[in-house]
Amino acid sequence: MMKEDSKVKWGNLIGYVIVPFTIALQEDPLSYVLEAKAVMDRKKLSFEAITTYVVSKFILKIFGVKAAAAVTHKLVSNTTMAFSNVVGPQEEISLYGHPLAYIAPTFYGLPYEKYS
């Protein structure tokens, strides 16, 4: 646990990086992988994740929880697959008595539905 007088921020800051994937047969799969890596390298150096965090925080503060939930729902409903790089707990953890080596939060196949 953190000390009470610590100046370190508590919690995770969540931003999004949206990467379009082309799902098709490729003539040269290696060039497809190299192109995807180049796109991700550019995205890592951009301010996309920071900007989405700041905009999400702004929407939450100005328009409230319902608007933030609507934006998040719209983003998640139109996402085919997602990965997280949030670091897991440092302590040993278990699930129903079985020790876990790591946690890799992902999701895929969400329904495409309209927010109401």
PDB file of N, CA and C in Angstrom:
ATOM      1  N   MET A   1       0.841  -1.190   0.000  1.00  0.00           N
ATOM      2  CA  MET A   1       0.000   0.000   0.000  1.00  0.00           C
ATOM      3  C   MET A   1       0.879   1.244   0.000  1.00  0.00           C
ATOM      4  N   MET A   2       0.308   2.332  -0.476  1.00  0.00           N
ATOM      5  CA  MET A   2       1.038   3.594  -0.534  1.00  0.00           C
ATOM      6  C   MET A   2       0.893   4.345   0.776  1.00  0.00           C
ATOM      7  N   LYS A   3       1.905   5.133   1.097  1.00  0.00           N
ATOM      8  CA  LYS A   3       1.831   5.976   2.287  1.00  0.00           C
ATOM      9  C   LYS A   3       0.830   7.097   2.041  1.00  0.00           C
ATOM     10  N   GLU A   4       0.230   7.603   3.122  1.00  0.00           N
ATOM     11  CA  GLU A   4      -0.796   8.630   2.977  1.00  0.00           C
ATOM     12  C   GLU A   4      -0.245   9.940   2.428  1.00  0.00           C
ATOM     13  N   ASP A   5       0.987  10.288   2.757  1.00  0.00           N
ATOM     14  CA  ASP A   5       1.552  11.557   2.307  1.00  0.00           C
ATOM     15  C   ASP A   5       2.314  11.431   0.986  1.00  0.00           C
ATOM     16  N   SER A   6       2.153  10.314   0.303  1.00  0.00           N
ATOM     17  CA  SER A   6       2.848  10.085  -0.959  1.00  0.00           C
ATOM     18  C   SER A   6       2.295  10.999  -2.048  1.00  0.00           C
ATOM     19  N   LYS A   7       3.185  11.498  -2.922  1.00  0.00           N
ATOM     20  CA  LYS A   7       2.766  12.372  -4.015  1.00  0.00           C
ATOM     21  C   LYS A   7       2.561  11.597  -5.309  1.00  0.00           C
ATOM     22  N   VAL A   8       2.629  10.279  -5.234  1.00  0.00           N
ATOM     23  CA  VAL A   8       2.441   9.433  -6.400  1.00  0.00           C
ATOM     24  C   VAL A   8       0.945   9.273  -6.659  1.00  0.00           C
ATOM     25  N   LYS A   9       0.540   9.347  -7.939  1.00  0.00           N
ATOM     26  CA  LYS A   9      -0.877   9.165  -8.279  1.00  0.00           C
ATOM     27  C   LYS A   9      -1.270   7.712  -8.073  1.00  0.00           C
ATOM     28  N   TRP A  10      -2.498   7.504  -7.628  1.00  0.00           N
ATOM     29  CA  TRP A  10      -3.021   6.176  -7.346  1.00  0.00           C
ATOM     30  C   TRP A  10      -3.933   5.750  -8.483  1.00  0.00           C
ATOM     31  N   GLY A  11      -3.779   4.530  -8.958  1.00  0.00           N
ATOM     32  CA  GLY A  11      -4.695   4.002  -9.963  1.00  0.00           C
ATOM     33  C   GLY A  11      -4.117   3.991 -11.358  1.00  0.00           C
ATOM     34  N   ASN A  12      -4.917   3.507 -12.286  1.00  0.00           N
ATOM     35  CA  ASN A  12      -4.514   3.397 -13.682  1.00  0.00           C
ATOM     36  C   ASN A  12      -5.140   4.524 -14.491  1.00  0.00           C
ATOM     37  N   LEU A  13      -4.376   5.052 -15.431  1.00  0.00           N
ATOM     38  CA  LEU A  13      -4.894   6.029 -16.378  1.00  0.00           C
ATOM     39  C   LEU A  13      -5.184   5.268 -17.663  1.00  0.00           C
ATOM     40  N   ILE A  14      -6.426   5.302 -18.122  1.00  0.00           N
ATOM     41  CA  ILE A  14      -6.826   4.470 -19.252  1.00  0.00           C
ATOM     42  C   ILE A  14      -7.033   5.333 -20.488  1.00  0.00           C
ATOM     43  N   GLY A  15      -6.310   5.005 -21.540  1.00  0.00           N
ATOM     44  CA  GLY A  15      -6.466   5.643 -22.844  1.00  0.00           C
ATOM     45  C   GLY A  15      -6.652   4.554 -23.881  1.00  0.00           C
ATOM     46  N   TYR A  16      -7.108   4.930 -25.053  1.00  0.00           N
ATOM     47  CA  TYR A  16      -7.373   3.959 -26.111  1.00  0.00           C
ATOM     48  C   TYR A  16      -6.488   4.252 -27.311  1.00  0.00           C
ATOM     49  N   VAL A  17      -6.077   3.210 -27.982  1.00  0.00           N
ATOM     50  CA  VAL A  17      -5.426   3.321 -29.280  1.00  0.00           C
ATOM     51  C   VAL A  17      -6.222   2.428 -30.213  1.00  0.00           C
ATOM     52  N   ILE A  18      -6.812   3.023 -31.232  1.00  0.00           N
ATOM     53  CA  ILE A  18      -7.657   2.271 -32.154  1.00  0.00           C
ATOM     54  C   ILE A  18      -6.835   1.921 -33.386  1.00  0.00           C
ATOM     55  N   VAL A  19      -6.740   0.627 -33.668  1.00  0.00           N
ATOM     56  CA  VAL A  19      -5.942   0.142 -34.790  1.00  0.00           C
ATOM     57  C   VAL A  19      -6.846  -0.660 -35.719  1.00  0.00           C
ATOM     58  N   PRO A  20      -7.016  -0.217 -36.956  1.00  0.00           N
ATOM     59  CA  PRO A  20      -7.817  -1.003 -37.897  1.00  0.00           C
ATOM     60  C   PRO A  20      -7.021  -2.193 -38.429  1.00  0.00           C
ATOM     61  N   PHE A  21      -7.657  -3.347 -38.456  1.00  0.00           N
ATOM     62  CA  PHE A  21      -7.036  -4.552 -39.000  1.00  0.00           C
ATOM     63  C   PHE A  21      -7.730  -4.929 -40.298  1.00  0.00           C
ATOM     64  N   THR A  22      -6.952  -5.313 -41.278  1.00  0.00           N
ATOM     65  CA  THR A  22      -7.497  -5.818 -42.530  1.00  0.00           C
ATOM     66  C   THR A  22      -7.523  -7.335 -42.438  1.00  0.00           C
ATOM     67  N   ILE A  23      -8.713  -7.895 -42.476  1.00  0.00           N
ATOM     68  CA  ILE A  23      -8.837  -9.347 -42.395  1.00  0.00           C
ATOM     69  C   ILE A  23      -9.051  -9.858 -43.814  1.00  0.00           C
ATOM     70  N   ALA A  24      -7.979 -10.317 -44.418  1.00  0.00           N
ATOM     71  CA  ALA A  24      -8.030 -10.822 -45.794  1.00  0.00           C
ATOM     72  C   ALA A  24      -6.794 -11.670 -46.038  1.00  0.00           C
ATOM     73  N   LEU A  25      -6.858 -12.486 -47.059  1.00  0.00           N
ATOM     74  CA  LEU A  25      -5.679 -13.262 -47.437  1.00  0.00           C
ATOM     75  C   LEU A  25      -4.638 -12.320 -48.021  1.00  0.00           C
ATOM     76  N   GLN A  26      -3.411 -12.497 -47.594  1.00  0.00           N
ATOM     77  CA  GLN A  26      -2.323 -11.647 -48.051  1.00  0.00           C
ATOM     78  C   GLN A  26      -1.390 -12.443 -48.947  1.00  0.00           C
ATOM     79  N   GLU A  27      -0.852 -11.780 -49.946  1.00  0.00           N
ATOM     80  CA  GLU A  27       0.122 -12.455 -50.811  1.00  0.00           C
ATOM     81  C   GLU A  27       1.411 -12.716 -50.047  1.00  0.00           C
ATOM     82  N   ASP A  28       1.815 -11.739 -49.231  1.00  0.00           N
ATOM     83  CA  ASP A  28       3.034 -11.876 -48.440  1.00  0.00           C
ATOM     84  C   ASP A  28       2.690 -11.586 -46.979  1.00  0.00           C
ATOM     85  N   PRO A  29       2.429 -12.615 -46.162  1.00  0.00           N
ATOM     86  CA  PRO A  29       2.047 -12.393 -44.763  1.00  0.00           C
ATOM     87  C   PRO A  29       3.102 -11.629 -43.964  1.00  0.00           C
ATOM     88  N   LEU A  30       4.372 -11.815 -44.291  1.00  0.00           N
ATOM     89  CA  LEU A  30       5.427 -11.121 -43.559  1.00  0.00           C
ATOM     90  C   LEU A  30       5.336  -9.610 -43.768  1.00  0.00           C
ATOM     91  N   SER A  31       5.038  -9.172 -44.967  1.00  0.00           N
ATOM     92  CA  SER A  31       4.903  -7.729 -45.207  1.00  0.00           C
ATOM     93  C   SER A  31       3.704  -7.170 -44.444  1.00  0.00           C
ATOM     94  N   TYR A  32       2.645  -7.968 -44.305  1.00  0.00           N
ATOM     95  CA  TYR A  32       1.473  -7.554 -43.522  1.00  0.00           C
ATOM     96  C   TYR A  32       1.858  -7.355 -42.061  1.00  0.00           C
ATOM     97  N   VAL A  33       2.633  -8.284 -41.510  1.00  0.00           N
ATOM     98  CA  VAL A  33       3.076  -8.181 -40.117  1.00  0.00           C
ATOM     99  C   VAL A  33       4.001  -6.978 -39.945  1.00  0.00           C
ATOM    100  N   LEU A  34       4.918  -6.775 -40.880  1.00  0.00           N
ATOM    101  CA  LEU A  34       5.832  -5.635 -40.796  1.00  0.00           C
ATOM    102  C   LEU A  34       5.081  -4.308 -40.896  1.00  0.00           C
ATOM    103  N   GLU A  35       4.059  -4.265 -41.737  1.00  0.00           N
ATOM    104  CA  GLU A  35       3.246  -3.054 -41.848  1.00  0.00           C
ATOM    105  C   GLU A  35       2.468  -2.799 -40.554  1.00  0.00           C
ATOM    106  N   ALA A  36       1.904  -3.858 -39.963  1.00  0.00           N
ATOM    107  CA  ALA A  36       1.181  -3.717 -38.696  1.00  0.00           C
ATOM    108  C   ALA A  36       2.119  -3.239 -37.592  1.00  0.00           C
ATOM    109  N   LYS A  37       3.348  -3.758 -37.559  1.00  0.00           N
ATOM    110  CA  LYS A  37       4.326  -3.318 -36.560  1.00  0.00           C
ATOM    111  C   LYS A  37       4.677  -1.855 -36.758  1.00  0.00           C
ATOM    112  N   ALA A  38       4.835  -1.430 -38.006  1.00  0.00           N
ATOM    113  CA  ALA A  38       5.139  -0.025 -38.282  1.00  0.00           C
ATOM    114  C   ALA A  38       3.999   0.882 -37.820  1.00  0.00           C
ATOM    115  N   VAL A  39       2.753   0.452 -38.056  1.00  0.00           N
ATOM    116  CA  VAL A  39       1.593   1.229 -37.609  1.00  0.00           C
ATOM    117  C   VAL A  39       1.597   1.340 -36.090  1.00  0.00           C
ATOM    118  N   MET A  40       1.841   0.233 -35.389  1.00  0.00           N
ATOM    119  CA  MET A  40       1.849   0.258 -33.923  1.00  0.00           C
ATOM    120  C   MET A  40       2.997   1.104 -33.383  1.00  0.00           C
ATOM    121  N   ASP A  41       4.151   1.060 -34.025  1.00  0.00           N
ATOM    122  CA  ASP A  41       5.267   1.901 -33.590  1.00  0.00           C
ATOM    123  C   ASP A  41       4.912   3.382 -33.721  1.00  0.00           C
ATOM    124  N   ARG A  42       4.240   3.760 -34.817  1.00  0.00           N
ATOM    125  CA  ARG A  42       3.804   5.148 -34.982  1.00  0.00           C
ATOM    126  C   ARG A  42       2.763   5.518 -33.932  1.00  0.00           C
ATOM    127  N   LYS A  43       1.829   4.600 -33.651  1.00  0.00           N
ATOM    128  CA  LYS A  43       0.780   4.875 -32.662  1.00  0.00           C
ATOM    129  C   LYS A  43       1.366   5.041 -31.263  1.00  0.00           C
ATOM    130  N   LYS A  44       2.393   4.247 -30.935  1.00  0.00           N
ATOM    131  CA  LYS A  44       3.021   4.359 -29.613  1.00  0.00           C
ATOM    132  C   LYS A  44       3.679   5.716 -29.418  1.00  0.00           C
ATOM    133  N   LEU A  45       4.208   6.293 -30.484  1.00  0.00           N
ATOM    134  CA  LEU A  45       4.873   7.590 -30.396  1.00  0.00           C
ATOM    135  C   LEU A  45       3.897   8.760 -30.522  1.00  0.00           C
ATOM    136  N   SER A  46       2.652   8.481 -30.889  1.00  0.00           N
ATOM    137  CA  SER A  46       1.668   9.550 -31.043  1.00  0.00           C
ATOM    138  C   SER A  46       1.022   9.856 -29.689  1.00  0.00           C
ATOM    139  N   PHE A  47       0.204  10.882 -29.683  1.00  0.00           N
ATOM    140  CA  PHE A  47      -0.504  11.273 -28.465  1.00  0.00           C
ATOM    141  C   PHE A  47      -1.927  10.715 -28.428  1.00  0.00           C
ATOM    142  N   GLU A  48      -2.208   9.675 -29.201  1.00  0.00           N
ATOM    143  CA  GLU A  48      -3.571   9.148 -29.290  1.00  0.00           C
ATOM    144  C   GLU A  48      -4.083   8.649 -27.941  1.00  0.00           C
ATOM    145  N   ALA A  49      -3.294   7.843 -27.243  1.00  0.00           N
ATOM    146  CA  ALA A  49      -3.747   7.304 -25.955  1.00  0.00           C
ATOM    147  C   ALA A  49      -3.928   8.418 -24.927  1.00  0.00           C
ATOM    148  N   ILE A  50      -3.012   9.364 -24.900  1.00  0.00           N
ATOM    149  CA  ILE A  50      -3.116  10.481 -23.955  1.00  0.00           C
ATOM    150  C   ILE A  50      -4.327  11.345 -24.297  1.00  0.00           C
ATOM    151  N   THR A  51      -4.533  11.605 -25.579  1.00  0.00           N
ATOM    152  CA  THR A  51      -5.664  12.425 -26.008  1.00  0.00           C
ATOM    153  C   THR A  51      -6.991  11.758 -25.676  1.00  0.00           C
ATOM    154  N   THR A  52      -7.112  10.458 -25.916  1.00  0.00           N
ATOM    155  CA  THR A  52      -8.373   9.779 -25.592  1.00  0.00           C
ATOM    156  C   THR A  52      -8.627   9.783 -24.093  1.00  0.00           C
ATOM    157  N   TYR A  53      -7.566   9.684 -23.285  1.00  0.00           N
ATOM    158  CA  TYR A  53      -7.734   9.762 -21.832  1.00  0.00           C
ATOM    159  C   TYR A  53      -8.244  11.147 -21.431  1.00  0.00           C
ATOM    160  N   VAL A  54      -7.613  12.192 -21.958  1.00  0.00           N
ATOM    161  CA  VAL A  54      -7.998  13.562 -21.598  1.00  0.00           C
ATOM    162  C   VAL A  54      -9.425  13.859 -22.060  1.00  0.00           C
ATOM    163  N   VAL A  55      -9.780  13.448 -23.272  1.00  0.00           N
ATOM    164  CA  VAL A  55     -11.136  13.682 -23.784  1.00  0.00           C
ATOM    165  C   VAL A  55     -12.164  12.911 -22.953  1.00  0.00           C
ATOM    166  N   SER A  56     -11.856  11.669 -22.593  1.00  0.00           N
ATOM    167  CA  SER A  56     -12.778  10.879 -21.759  1.00  0.00           C
ATOM    168  C   SER A  56     -12.984  11.537 -20.399  1.00  0.00           C
ATOM    169  N   LYS A  57     -11.899  12.019 -19.814  1.00  0.00           N
ATOM    170  CA  LYS A  57     -11.989  12.692 -18.515  1.00  0.00           C
ATOM    171  C   LYS A  57     -12.807  13.983 -18.641  1.00  0.00           C
ATOM    172  N   PHE A  58     -12.605  14.722 -19.732  1.00  0.00           N
ATOM    173  CA  PHE A  58     -13.355  15.951 -19.986  1.00  0.00           C
ATOM    174  C   PHE A  58     -14.849  15.662 -20.124  1.00  0.00           C
ATOM    175  N   ILE A  59     -15.196  14.646 -20.910  1.00  0.00           N
ATOM    176  CA  ILE A  59     -16.606  14.277 -21.094  1.00  0.00           C
ATOM    177  C   ILE A  59     -17.228  13.886 -19.760  1.00  0.00           C
ATOM    178  N   LEU A  60     -16.489  13.141 -18.954  1.00  0.00           N
ATOM    179  CA  LEU A  60     -17.006  12.731 -17.647  1.00  0.00           C
ATOM    180  C   LEU A  60     -17.259  13.937 -16.751  1.00  0.00           C
ATOM    181  N   LYS A  61     -16.319  14.882 -16.714  1.00  0.00           N
ATOM    182  CA  LYS A  61     -16.472  16.044 -15.833  1.00  0.00           C
ATOM    183  C   LYS A  61     -17.543  17.010 -16.321  1.00  0.00           C
ATOM    184  N   ILE A  62     -17.608  17.252 -17.622  1.00  0.00           N
ATOM    185  CA  ILE A  62     -18.528  18.258 -18.155  1.00  0.00           C
ATOM    186  C   ILE A  62     -19.936  17.702 -18.358  1.00  0.00           C
ATOM    187  N   PHE A  63     -20.056  16.528 -18.964  1.00  0.00           N
ATOM    188  CA  PHE A  63     -21.365  15.993 -19.334  1.00  0.00           C
ATOM    189  C   PHE A  63     -21.890  14.923 -18.389  1.00  0.00           C
ATOM    190  N   GLY A  64     -21.034  14.369 -17.537  1.00  0.00           N
ATOM    191  CA  GLY A  64     -21.490  13.410 -16.548  1.00  0.00           C
ATOM    192  C   GLY A  64     -21.293  11.953 -16.947  1.00  0.00           C
ATOM    193  N   VAL A  65     -21.732  11.088 -16.041  1.00  0.00           N
ATOM    194  CA  VAL A  65     -21.506   9.653 -16.180  1.00  0.00           C
ATOM    195  C   VAL A  65     -22.275   9.067 -17.364  1.00  0.00           C
ATOM    196  N   LYS A  66     -23.513   9.523 -17.592  1.00  0.00           N
ATOM    197  CA  LYS A  66     -24.307   8.951 -18.692  1.00  0.00           C
ATOM    198  C   LYS A  66     -23.650   9.199 -20.047  1.00  0.00           C
ATOM    199  N   ALA A  67     -23.146  10.399 -20.258  1.00  0.00           N
ATOM    200  CA  ALA A  67     -22.483  10.706 -21.530  1.00  0.00           C
ATOM    201  C   ALA A  67     -21.196   9.903 -21.673  1.00  0.00           C
ATOM    202  N   ALA A  68     -20.426   9.796 -20.591  1.00  0.00           N
ATOM    203  CA  ALA A  68     -19.190   9.012 -20.638  1.00  0.00           C
ATOM    204  C   ALA A  68     -19.495   7.542 -20.905  1.00  0.00           C
ATOM    205  N   ALA A  69     -20.564   7.033 -20.290  1.00  0.00           N
ATOM    206  CA  ALA A  69     -20.954   5.639 -20.522  1.00  0.00           C
ATOM    207  C   ALA A  69     -21.400   5.435 -21.966  1.00  0.00           C
ATOM    208  N   ALA A  70     -22.102   6.414 -22.530  1.00  0.00           N
ATOM    209  CA  ALA A  70     -22.551   6.304 -23.924  1.00  0.00           C
ATOM    210  C   ALA A  70     -21.364   6.274 -24.881  1.00  0.00           C
ATOM    211  N   VAL A  71     -20.369   7.126 -24.642  1.00  0.00           N
ATOM    212  CA  VAL A  71     -19.180   7.154 -25.503  1.00  0.00           C
ATOM    213  C   VAL A  71     -18.406   5.849 -25.379  1.00  0.00           C
ATOM    214  N   THR A  72     -18.230   5.374 -24.149  1.00  0.00           N
ATOM    215  CA  THR A  72     -17.511   4.114 -23.931  1.00  0.00           C
ATOM    216  C   THR A  72     -18.258   2.954 -24.564  1.00  0.00           C
ATOM    217  N   HIS A  73     -19.580   2.925 -24.414  1.00  0.00           N
ATOM    218  CA  HIS A  73     -20.384   1.856 -25.006  1.00  0.00           C
ATOM    219  C   HIS A  73     -20.270   1.875 -26.525  1.00  0.00           C
ATOM    220  N   LYS A  74     -20.293   3.063 -27.118  1.00  0.00           N
ATOM    221  CA  LYS A  74     -20.165   3.188 -28.571  1.00  0.00           C
ATOM    222  C   LYS A  74     -18.815   2.652 -29.034  1.00  0.00           C
ATOM    223  N   LEU A  75     -17.759   2.983 -28.308  1.00  0.00           N
ATOM    224  CA  LEU A  75     -16.423   2.515 -28.671  1.00  0.00           C
ATOM    225  C   LEU A  75     -16.314   1.005 -28.532  1.00  0.00           C
ATOM    226  N   VAL A  76     -16.771   0.467 -27.416  1.00  0.00           N
ATOM    227  CA  VAL A  76     -16.649  -0.968 -27.156  1.00  0.00           C
ATOM    228  C   VAL A  76     -17.562  -1.776 -28.072  1.00  0.00           C
ATOM    229  N   SER A  77     -18.744  -1.260 -28.383  1.00  0.00           N
ATOM    230  CA  SER A  77     -19.681  -1.992 -29.240  1.00  0.00           C
ATOM    231  C   SER A  77     -19.190  -2.111 -30.675  1.00  0.00           C
ATOM    232  N   ASN A  78     -18.330  -1.207 -31.098  1.00  0.00           N
ATOM    233  CA  ASN A  78     -17.800  -1.251 -32.456  1.00  0.00           C
ATOM    234  C   ASN A  78     -16.369  -1.768 -32.500  1.00  0.00           C
ATOM    235  N   THR A  79     -15.962  -2.465 -31.465  1.00  0.00           N
ATOM    236  CA  THR A  79     -14.619  -3.038 -31.393  1.00  0.00           C
ATOM    237  C   THR A  79     -14.719  -4.547 -31.527  1.00  0.00           C
ATOM    238  N   THR A  80     -13.937  -5.116 -32.411  1.00  0.00           N
ATOM    239  CA  THR A  80     -13.953  -6.557 -32.607  1.00  0.00           C
ATOM    240  C   THR A  80     -13.127  -7.272 -31.553  1.00  0.00           C
ATOM    241  N   MET A  81     -11.976  -6.712 -31.219  1.00  0.00           N
ATOM    242  CA  MET A  81     -11.075  -7.367 -30.282  1.00  0.00           C
ATOM    243  C   MET A  81     -10.304  -6.294 -29.520  1.00  0.00           C
ATOM    244  N   ALA A  82      -9.987  -6.551 -28.251  1.00  0.00           N
ATOM    245  CA  ALA A  82      -9.228  -5.582 -27.462  1.00  0.00           C
ATOM    246  C   ALA A  82      -8.234  -6.298 -26.568  1.00  0.00           C
ATOM    247  N   PHE A  83      -7.116  -5.648 -26.339  1.00  0.00           N
ATOM    248  CA  PHE A  83      -6.080  -6.155 -25.443  1.00  0.00           C
ATOM    249  C   PHE A  83      -5.758  -5.076 -24.430  1.00  0.00           C
ATOM    250  N   SER A  84      -5.283  -5.486 -23.280  1.00  0.00           N
ATOM    251  CA  SER A  84      -4.890  -4.544 -22.242  1.00  0.00           C
ATOM    252  C   SER A  84      -3.440  -4.780 -21.870  1.00  0.00           C
ATOM    253  N   ASN A  85      -2.723  -3.697 -21.614  1.00  0.00           N
ATOM    254  CA  ASN A  85      -1.354  -3.832 -21.129  1.00  0.00           C
ATOM    255  C   ASN A  85      -1.220  -3.325 -19.701  1.00  0.00           C
ATOM    256  N   VAL A  86      -2.341  -3.269 -18.978  1.00  0.00           N
ATOM    257  CA  VAL A  86      -2.311  -2.852 -17.584  1.00  0.00           C
ATOM    258  C   VAL A  86      -1.583  -3.920 -16.777  1.00  0.00           C
ATOM    259  N   VAL A  87      -0.628  -3.482 -15.984  1.00  0.00           N
ATOM    260  CA  VAL A  87       0.165  -4.412 -15.188  1.00  0.00           C
ATOM    261  C   VAL A  87      -0.712  -5.002 -14.093  1.00  0.00           C
ATOM    262  N   GLY A  88      -0.620  -6.296 -13.904  1.00  0.00           N
ATOM    263  CA  GLY A  88      -1.407  -6.981 -12.885  1.00  0.00           C
ATOM    264  C   GLY A  88      -0.819  -6.820 -11.491  1.00  0.00           C
ATOM    265  N   PRO A  89      -1.393  -7.502 -10.519  1.00  0.00           N
ATOM    266  CA  PRO A  89      -0.925  -7.383  -9.135  1.00  0.00           C
ATOM    267  C   PRO A  89       0.471  -7.976  -8.955  1.00  0.00           C
ATOM    268  N   GLN A  90       1.223  -7.404  -8.022  1.00  0.00           N
ATOM    269  CA  GLN A  90       2.568  -7.886  -7.736  1.00  0.00           C
ATOM    270  C   GLN A  90       2.547  -9.083  -6.782  1.00  0.00           C
ATOM    271  N   GLU A  91       1.462  -9.219  -6.008  1.00  0.00           N
ATOM    272  CA  GLU A  91       1.351 -10.342  -5.075  1.00  0.00           C
ATOM    273  C   GLU A  91       0.973 -11.605  -5.842  1.00  0.00           C
ATOM    274  N   GLU A  92       1.203 -12.745  -5.210  1.00  0.00           N
ATOM    275  CA  GLU A  92       0.756 -14.004  -5.805  1.00  0.00           C
ATOM    276  C   GLU A  92      -0.761 -14.067  -5.714  1.00  0.00           C
ATOM    277  N   ILE A  93      -1.399 -14.489  -6.796  1.00  0.00           N
ATOM    278  CA  ILE A  93      -2.851 -14.582  -6.818  1.00  0.00           C
ATOM    279  C   ILE A  93      -3.259 -15.979  -7.255  1.00  0.00           C
ATOM    280  N   SER A  94      -4.497 -16.342  -6.900  1.00  0.00           N
ATOM    281  CA  SER A  94      -4.993 -17.657  -7.289  1.00  0.00           C
ATOM    282  C   SER A  94      -6.466 -17.549  -7.646  1.00  0.00           C
ATOM    283  N   LEU A  95      -6.929 -18.516  -8.418  1.00  0.00           N
ATOM    284  CA  LEU A  95      -8.324 -18.599  -8.815  1.00  0.00           C
ATOM    285  C   LEU A  95      -8.825 -19.978  -8.419  1.00  0.00           C
ATOM    286  N   TYR A  96      -9.736 -20.025  -7.467  1.00  0.00           N
ATOM    287  CA  TYR A  96     -10.254 -21.281  -6.932  1.00  0.00           C
ATOM    288  C   TYR A  96      -9.129 -22.200  -6.473  1.00  0.00           C
ATOM    289  N   GLY A  97      -8.125 -21.618  -5.833  1.00  0.00           N
ATOM    290  CA  GLY A  97      -7.032 -22.405  -5.277  1.00  0.00           C
ATOM    291  C   GLY A  97      -5.921 -22.734  -6.255  1.00  0.00           C
ATOM    292  N   HIS A  98      -6.068 -22.354  -7.510  1.00  0.00           N
ATOM    293  CA  HIS A  98      -5.030 -22.610  -8.509  1.00  0.00           C
ATOM    294  C   HIS A  98      -4.211 -21.336  -8.711  1.00  0.00           C
ATOM    295  N   PRO A  99      -2.892 -21.401  -8.524  1.00  0.00           N
ATOM    296  CA  PRO A  99      -2.074 -20.188  -8.683  1.00  0.00           C
ATOM    297  C   PRO A  99      -2.068 -19.704 -10.136  1.00  0.00           C
ATOM    298  N   LEU A 100      -2.117 -18.385 -10.299  1.00  0.00           N
ATOM    299  CA  LEU A 100      -2.079 -17.776 -11.626  1.00  0.00           C
ATOM    300  C   LEU A 100      -0.702 -17.174 -11.868  1.00  0.00           C
ATOM    301  N   ALA A 101      -0.146 -17.424 -13.036  1.00  0.00           N
ATOM    302  CA  ALA A 101       1.164 -16.868 -13.377  1.00  0.00           C
ATOM    303  C   ALA A 101       1.021 -15.430 -13.883  1.00  0.00           C
ATOM    304  N   TYR A 102      -0.042 -15.138 -14.646  1.00  0.00           N
ATOM    305  CA  TYR A 102      -0.250 -13.797 -15.182  1.00  0.00           C
ATOM    306  C   TYR A 102      -1.718 -13.623 -15.555  1.00  0.00           C
ATOM    307  N   ILE A 103      -2.105 -12.387 -15.772  1.00  0.00           N
ATOM    308  CA  ILE A 103      -3.457 -12.063 -16.216  1.00  0.00           C
ATOM    309  C   ILE A 103      -3.321 -11.305 -17.533  1.00  0.00           C
ATOM    310  N   ALA A 104      -4.047 -11.721 -18.544  1.00  0.00           N
ATOM    311  CA  ALA A 104      -4.037 -11.039 -19.840  1.00  0.00           C
ATOM    312  C   ALA A 104      -5.472 -10.691 -20.218  1.00  0.00           C
ATOM    313  N   PRO A 105      -5.986  -9.545 -19.754  1.00  0.00           N
ATOM    314  CA  PRO A 105      -7.368  -9.198 -20.053  1.00  0.00           C
ATOM    315  C   PRO A 105      -7.578  -8.906 -21.537  1.00  0.00           C
ATOM    316  N   THR A 106      -8.500  -9.620 -22.146  1.00  0.00           N
ATOM    317  CA  THR A 106      -8.860  -9.404 -23.541  1.00  0.00           C
ATOM    318  C   THR A 106     -10.360  -9.592 -23.684  1.00  0.00           C
ATOM    319  N   PHE A 107     -10.904  -9.101 -24.765  1.00  0.00           N
ATOM    320  CA  PHE A 107     -12.285  -9.436 -25.099  1.00  0.00           C
ATOM    321  C   PHE A 107     -12.441  -9.400 -26.606  1.00  0.00           C
ATOM    322  N   TYR A 108     -13.423 -10.136 -27.082  1.00  0.00           N
ATOM    323  CA  TYR A 108     -13.690 -10.165 -28.518  1.00  0.00           C
ATOM    324  C   TYR A 108     -15.133 -10.570 -28.741  1.00  0.00           C
ATOM    325  N   GLY A 109     -15.638 -10.293 -29.923  1.00  0.00           N
ATOM    326  CA  GLY A 109     -16.971 -10.733 -30.309  1.00  0.00           C
ATOM    327  C   GLY A 109     -18.103 -10.044 -29.587  1.00  0.00           C
ATOM    328  N   LEU A 110     -17.949  -8.771 -29.259  1.00  0.00           N
ATOM    329  CA  LEU A 110     -19.032  -8.056 -28.602  1.00  0.00           C
ATOM    330  C   LEU A 110     -20.168  -7.804 -29.582  1.00  0.00           C
ATOM    331  N   PRO A 111     -21.388  -7.777 -29.090  1.00  0.00           N
ATOM    332  CA  PRO A 111     -22.516  -7.527 -29.992  1.00  0.00           C
ATOM    333  C   PRO A 111     -22.526  -6.074 -30.460  1.00  0.00           C
ATOM    334  N   TYR A 112     -22.912  -5.884 -31.693  1.00  0.00           N
ATOM    335  CA  TYR A 112     -23.065  -4.542 -32.229  1.00  0.00           C
ATOM    336  C   TYR A 112     -24.499  -4.121 -31.984  1.00  0.00           C
ATOM    337  N   GLU A 113     -24.686  -3.223 -31.046  1.00  0.00           N
ATOM    338  CA  GLU A 113     -26.039  -2.800 -30.724  1.00  0.00           C
ATOM    339  C   GLU A 113     -26.074  -1.298 -30.499  1.00  0.00           C
ATOM    340  N   LYS A 114     -27.243  -0.746 -30.605  1.00  0.00           N
ATOM    341  CA  LYS A 114     -27.413   0.688 -30.426  1.00  0.00           C
ATOM    342  C   LYS A 114     -27.600   0.995 -28.953  1.00  0.00           C
ATOM    343  N   TYR A 115     -26.938   2.041 -28.470  1.00  0.00           N
ATOM    344  CA  TYR A 115     -27.078   2.473 -27.078  1.00  0.00           C
ATOM    345  C   TYR A 115     -28.413   3.180 -26.915  1.00  0.00           C
ATOM    346  N   SER A 116     -29.166   2.788 -25.884  1.00  0.00           N
ATOM    347  CA  SER A 116     -30.454   3.453 -25.660  1.00  0.00           C
ATOM    348  C   SER A 116     -30.573   3.936 -24.247  1.00  0.00           C
TER     349      SER A 116
END
